[in-house]
Structures are given as C-alpha cells and as structure tokens.
Amino acid sequence: MSEPKLKLTLWERARLFGIEAQGVKRAAAGIEDQPDIDRRAERVREQARKRAAKKK
C-alpha cells in the first residue's frame, strides 16, 4: 500500500531541491553511490511526516 503524499513546506522543498542538486553534481562527476544524499533527503521527509502527525 502506498503512503499518502506528504505536504511539504516551502522550506522543506528548498532543502530537498538543494540536496538533489548536490546529488546531480556528484553523479555528473561519476559518483554513483550516494548514501549520504539519500539519508539527508529521507531525514527531511521524515521530519515532514512527524510535523503532519502532530497536526492531526
């Protein structure tokens, strides 16, 4: 079952955009395995989930 779509704040979107941009720059340099980028993006999404749970 898929999880509901997260509602991200403008700041969270900007953080994810910056994290993904850094990942793209690394990929262009030939670095394919980027677990730190994945962890950072997942941390932002997890914070959004916690924030959404508090509002309910």
PDB file of N, CA and C in Angstrom:
ATOM      1  N   MET A   1       0.839  -1.176   0.000  1.00  0.00           N
ATOM      2  CA  MET A   1       0.000   0.000   0.000  1.00  0.00           C
ATOM      3  C   MET A   1       0.885   1.241   0.000  1.00  0.00           C
ATOM      4  N   SER A   2       0.574   2.179  -0.869  1.00  0.00           N
ATOM      5  CA  SER A   2       1.401   3.382  -0.939  1.00  0.00           C
ATOM      6  C   SER A   2       1.000   4.350   0.167  1.00  0.00           C
ATOM      7  N   GLU A   3       1.977   5.092   0.619  1.00  0.00           N
ATOM      8  CA  GLU A   3       1.710   6.044   1.682  1.00  0.00           C
ATOM      9  C   GLU A   3       1.138   7.326   1.090  1.00  0.00           C
ATOM     10  N   PRO A   4       0.370   8.089   1.856  1.00  0.00           N
ATOM     11  CA  PRO A   4      -0.215   9.324   1.335  1.00  0.00           C
ATOM     12  C   PRO A   4       0.873  10.341   0.995  1.00  0.00           C
ATOM     13  N   LYS A   5       0.571  11.189   0.048  1.00  0.00           N
ATOM     14  CA  LYS A   5       1.534  12.189  -0.398  1.00  0.00           C
ATOM     15  C   LYS A   5       1.783  13.197   0.717  1.00  0.00           C
ATOM     16  N   LEU A   6       3.059  13.442   0.989  1.00  0.00           N
ATOM     17  CA  LEU A   6       3.430  14.411   2.029  1.00  0.00           C
ATOM     18  C   LEU A   6       3.184  15.830   1.537  1.00  0.00           C
ATOM     19  N   LYS A   7       2.737  16.653   2.439  1.00  0.00           N
ATOM     20  CA  LYS A   7       2.585  18.066   2.127  1.00  0.00           C
ATOM     21  C   LYS A   7       3.810  18.771   2.683  1.00  0.00           C
ATOM     22  N   LEU A   8       4.710  19.160   1.808  1.00  0.00           N
ATOM     23  CA  LEU A   8       5.965  19.777   2.226  1.00  0.00           C
ATOM     24  C   LEU A   8       5.831  21.292   2.278  1.00  0.00           C
ATOM     25  N   THR A   9       6.503  21.885   3.247  1.00  0.00           N
ATOM     26  CA  THR A   9       6.545  23.343   3.316  1.00  0.00           C
ATOM     27  C   THR A   9       7.521  23.845   2.256  1.00  0.00           C
ATOM     28  N   LEU A  10       7.469  25.139   2.024  1.00  0.00           N
ATOM     29  CA  LEU A  10       8.367  25.742   1.044  1.00  0.00           C
ATOM     30  C   LEU A  10       9.830  25.497   1.432  1.00  0.00           C
ATOM     31  N   TRP A  11      10.123  25.611   2.728  1.00  0.00           N
ATOM     32  CA  TRP A  11      11.489  25.400   3.201  1.00  0.00           C
ATOM     33  C   TRP A  11      11.937  23.954   2.972  1.00  0.00           C
ATOM     34  N   GLU A  12      11.064  23.001   3.232  1.00  0.00           N
ATOM     35  CA  GLU A  12      11.407  21.584   3.029  1.00  0.00           C
ATOM     36  C   GLU A  12      11.639  21.296   1.549  1.00  0.00           C
ATOM     37  N   ARG A  13      10.822  21.893   0.698  1.00  0.00           N
ATOM     38  CA  ARG A  13      11.030  21.729  -0.746  1.00  0.00           C
ATOM     39  C   ARG A  13      12.369  22.293  -1.183  1.00  0.00           C
ATOM     40  N   ALA A  14      12.717  23.456  -0.637  1.00  0.00           N
ATOM     41  CA  ALA A  14      14.000  24.078  -0.976  1.00  0.00           C
ATOM     42  C   ALA A  14      15.163  23.206  -0.502  1.00  0.00           C
ATOM     43  N   ARG A  15      15.036  22.640   0.701  1.00  0.00           N
ATOM     44  CA  ARG A  15      16.094  21.757   1.207  1.00  0.00           C
ATOM     45  C   ARG A  15      16.249  20.533   0.323  1.00  0.00           C
ATOM     46  N   LEU A  16      15.119  19.917  -0.068  1.00  0.00           N
ATOM     47  CA  LEU A  16      15.190  18.748  -0.937  1.00  0.00           C
ATOM     48  C   LEU A  16      15.788  19.102  -2.290  1.00  0.00           C
ATOM     49  N   PHE A  17      15.421  20.272  -2.824  1.00  0.00           N
ATOM     50  CA  PHE A  17      15.968  20.700  -4.100  1.00  0.00           C
ATOM     51  C   PHE A  17      17.487  20.848  -4.013  1.00  0.00           C
ATOM     52  N   GLY A  18      17.981  21.451  -2.936  1.00  0.00           N
ATOM     53  CA  GLY A  18      19.420  21.611  -2.755  1.00  0.00           C
ATOM     54  C   GLY A  18      20.141  20.280  -2.602  1.00  0.00           C
ATOM     55  N   ILE A  19      19.534  19.369  -1.859  1.00  0.00           N
ATOM     56  CA  ILE A  19      20.132  18.045  -1.655  1.00  0.00           C
ATOM     57  C   ILE A  19      20.198  17.296  -2.985  1.00  0.00           C
ATOM     58  N   GLU A  20      19.096  17.334  -3.739  1.00  0.00           N
ATOM     59  CA  GLU A  20      19.062  16.650  -5.031  1.00  0.00           C
ATOM     60  C   GLU A  20      20.036  17.289  -6.020  1.00  0.00           C
ATOM     61  N   ALA A  21      20.175  18.604  -5.970  1.00  0.00           N
ATOM     62  CA  ALA A  21      21.117  19.285  -6.861  1.00  0.00           C
ATOM     63  C   ALA A  21      22.552  18.841  -6.574  1.00  0.00           C
ATOM     64  N   GLN A  22      22.870  18.681  -5.302  1.00  0.00           N
ATOM     65  CA  GLN A  22      24.202  18.206  -4.944  1.00  0.00           C
ATOM     66  C   GLN A  22      24.408  16.780  -5.459  1.00  0.00           C
ATOM     67  N   GLY A  23      23.363  15.960  -5.381  1.00  0.00           N
ATOM     68  CA  GLY A  23      23.448  14.592  -5.890  1.00  0.00           C
ATOM     69  C   GLY A  23      23.655  14.555  -7.392  1.00  0.00           C
ATOM     70  N   VAL A  24      22.998  15.464  -8.110  1.00  0.00           N
ATOM     71  CA  VAL A  24      23.157  15.530  -9.566  1.00  0.00           C
ATOM     72  C   VAL A  24      24.578  15.943  -9.924  1.00  0.00           C
ATOM     73  N   LYS A  25      25.132  16.907  -9.184  1.00  0.00           N
ATOM     74  CA  LYS A  25      26.509  17.336  -9.448  1.00  0.00           C
ATOM     75  C   LYS A  25      27.486  16.191  -9.227  1.00  0.00           C
ATOM     76  N   ARG A  26      27.260  15.413  -8.175  1.00  0.00           N
ATOM     77  CA  ARG A  26      28.135  14.263  -7.918  1.00  0.00           C
ATOM     78  C   ARG A  26      27.984  13.206  -8.996  1.00  0.00           C
ATOM     79  N   ALA A  27      26.743  12.971  -9.428  1.00  0.00           N
ATOM     80  CA  ALA A  27      26.510  11.973 -10.472  1.00  0.00           C
ATOM     81  C   ALA A  27      27.199  12.387 -11.764  1.00  0.00           C
ATOM     82  N   ALA A  28      27.196  13.671 -12.063  1.00  0.00           N
ATOM     83  CA  ALA A  28      27.876  14.165 -13.258  1.00  0.00           C
ATOM     84  C   ALA A  28      29.386  13.950 -13.155  1.00  0.00           C
ATOM     85  N   ALA A  29      29.895  13.944 -11.928  1.00  0.00           N
ATOM     86  CA  ALA A  29      31.321  13.715 -11.709  1.00  0.00           C
ATOM     87  C   ALA A  29      31.664  12.229 -11.686  1.00  0.00           C
ATOM     88  N   GLY A  30      30.637  11.375 -11.817  1.00  0.00           N
ATOM     89  CA  GLY A  30      30.889   9.945 -11.882  1.00  0.00           C
ATOM     90  C   GLY A  30      30.695   9.201 -10.574  1.00  0.00           C
ATOM     91  N   ILE A  31      30.222   9.871  -9.549  1.00  0.00           N
ATOM     92  CA  ILE A  31      29.988   9.214  -8.265  1.00  0.00           C
ATOM     93  C   ILE A  31      28.554   8.713  -8.270  1.00  0.00           C
ATOM     94  N   GLU A  32      28.385   7.401  -8.343  1.00  0.00           N
ATOM     95  CA  GLU A  32      27.042   6.832  -8.460  1.00  0.00           C
ATOM     96  C   GLU A  32      26.427   6.476  -7.106  1.00  0.00           C
ATOM     97  N   ASP A  33      27.201   5.944  -6.179  1.00  0.00           N
ATOM     98  CA  ASP A  33      26.688   5.515  -4.891  1.00  0.00           C
ATOM     99  C   ASP A  33      26.717   6.698  -3.931  1.00  0.00           C
ATOM    100  N   GLN A  34      25.521   7.175  -3.526  1.00  0.00           N
ATOM    101  CA  GLN A  34      25.450   8.369  -2.695  1.00  0.00           C
ATOM    102  C   GLN A  34      24.518   8.145  -1.496  1.00  0.00           C
ATOM    103  N   PRO A  35      24.905   7.277  -0.566  1.00  0.00           N
ATOM    104  CA  PRO A  35      24.004   7.005   0.554  1.00  0.00           C
ATOM    105  C   PRO A  35      23.788   8.216   1.465  1.00  0.00           C
ATOM    106  N   ASP A  36      24.740   9.121   1.537  1.00  0.00           N
ATOM    107  CA  ASP A  36      24.560  10.298   2.397  1.00  0.00           C
ATOM    108  C   ASP A  36      23.482  11.224   1.840  1.00  0.00           C
ATOM    109  N   ILE A  37      23.414  11.351   0.538  1.00  0.00           N
ATOM    110  CA  ILE A  37      22.372  12.171  -0.088  1.00  0.00           C
ATOM    111  C   ILE A  37      21.008  11.547   0.182  1.00  0.00           C
ATOM    112  N   ASP A  38      20.928  10.230   0.051  1.00  0.00           N
ATOM    113  CA  ASP A  38      19.663   9.525   0.314  1.00  0.00           C
ATOM    114  C   ASP A  38      19.223   9.706   1.763  1.00  0.00           C
ATOM    115  N   ARG A  39      20.170   9.605   2.695  1.00  0.00           N
ATOM    116  CA  ARG A  39      19.842   9.767   4.121  1.00  0.00           C
ATOM    117  C   ARG A  39      19.356  11.182   4.419  1.00  0.00           C
ATOM    118  N   ARG A  40      20.023  12.179   3.839  1.00  0.00           N
ATOM    119  CA  ARG A  40      19.628  13.566   4.088  1.00  0.00           C
ATOM    120  C   ARG A  40      18.232  13.849   3.548  1.00  0.00           C
ATOM    121  N   ALA A  41      17.931  13.358   2.364  1.00  0.00           N
ATOM    122  CA  ALA A  41      16.602  13.563   1.783  1.00  0.00           C
ATOM    123  C   ALA A  41      15.542  12.836   2.611  1.00  0.00           C
ATOM    124  N   GLU A  42      15.848  11.631   3.053  1.00  0.00           N
ATOM    125  CA  GLU A  42      14.902  10.868   3.864  1.00  0.00           C
ATOM    126  C   GLU A  42      14.667  11.548   5.214  1.00  0.00           C
ATOM    127  N   ARG A  43      15.699  12.181   5.766  1.00  0.00           N
ATOM    128  CA  ARG A  43      15.551  12.888   7.039  1.00  0.00           C
ATOM    129  C   ARG A  43      14.565  14.052   6.893  1.00  0.00           C
ATOM    130  N   VAL A  44      14.649  14.787   5.782  1.00  0.00           N
ATOM    131  CA  VAL A  44      13.714  15.895   5.549  1.00  0.00           C
ATOM    132  C   VAL A  44      12.287  15.359   5.440  1.00  0.00           C
ATOM    133  N   ARG A  45      12.126  14.265   4.704  1.00  0.00           N
ATOM    134  CA  ARG A  45      10.784  13.682   4.547  1.00  0.00           C
ATOM    135  C   ARG A  45      10.248  13.154   5.881  1.00  0.00           C
ATOM    136  N   GLU A  46      11.119  12.571   6.691  1.00  0.00           N
ATOM    137  CA  GLU A  46      10.693  12.056   7.992  1.00  0.00           C
ATOM    138  C   GLU A  46      10.253  13.203   8.905  1.00  0.00           C
ATOM    139  N   GLN A  47      10.947  14.318   8.872  1.00  0.00           N
ATOM    140  CA  GLN A  47      10.550  15.480   9.669  1.00  0.00           C
ATOM    141  C   GLN A  47       9.183  15.992   9.224  1.00  0.00           C
ATOM    142  N   ALA A  48       8.921  15.947   7.909  1.00  0.00           N
ATOM    143  CA  ALA A  48       7.619  16.378   7.399  1.00  0.00           C
ATOM    144  C   ALA A  48       6.518  15.428   7.882  1.00  0.00           C
ATOM    145  N   ARG A  49       6.818  14.116   7.919  1.00  0.00           N
ATOM    146  CA  ARG A  49       5.834  13.152   8.420  1.00  0.00           C
ATOM    147  C   ARG A  49       5.518  13.417   9.891  1.00  0.00           C
ATOM    148  N   LYS A  50       6.552  13.695  10.683  1.00  0.00           N
ATOM    149  CA  LYS A  50       6.342  13.971  12.104  1.00  0.00           C
ATOM    150  C   LYS A  50       5.525  15.240  12.295  1.00  0.00           C
ATOM    151  N   ARG A  51       5.815  16.253  11.502  1.00  0.00           N
ATOM    152  CA  ARG A  51       5.060  17.507  11.594  1.00  0.00           C
ATOM    153  C   ARG A  51       3.596  17.272  11.233  1.00  0.00           C
ATOM    154  N   ALA A  52       3.349  16.492  10.194  1.00  0.00           N
ATOM    155  CA  ALA A  52       1.975  16.207   9.778  1.00  0.00           C
ATOM    156  C   ALA A  52       1.232  15.401  10.845  1.00  0.00           C
ATOM    157  N   ALA A  53       1.925  14.497  11.528  1.00  0.00           N
ATOM    158  CA  ALA A  53       1.294  13.692  12.561  1.00  0.00           C
ATOM    159  C   ALA A  53       0.923  14.548  13.772  1.00  0.00           C
ATOM    160  N   LYS A  54       1.719  15.553  14.068  1.00  0.00           N
ATOM    161  CA  LYS A  54       1.424  16.437  15.205  1.00  0.00           C
ATOM    162  C   LYS A  54       0.178  17.288  14.955  1.00  0.00           C
ATOM    163  N   LYS A  55      -0.067  17.636  13.700  1.00  0.00           N
ATOM    164  CA  LYS A  55      -1.204  18.495  13.376  1.00  0.00           C
ATOM    165  C   LYS A  55      -2.529  17.768  13.486  1.00  0.00           C
ATOM    166  N   LYS A  56      -2.517  16.465  13.412  1.00  0.00           N
ATOM    167  CA  LYS A  56      -3.775  15.702  13.441  1.00  0.00           C
ATOM    168  C   LYS A  56      -4.381  15.629  14.787  1.00  0.00           C
TER     169      LYS A  56
END
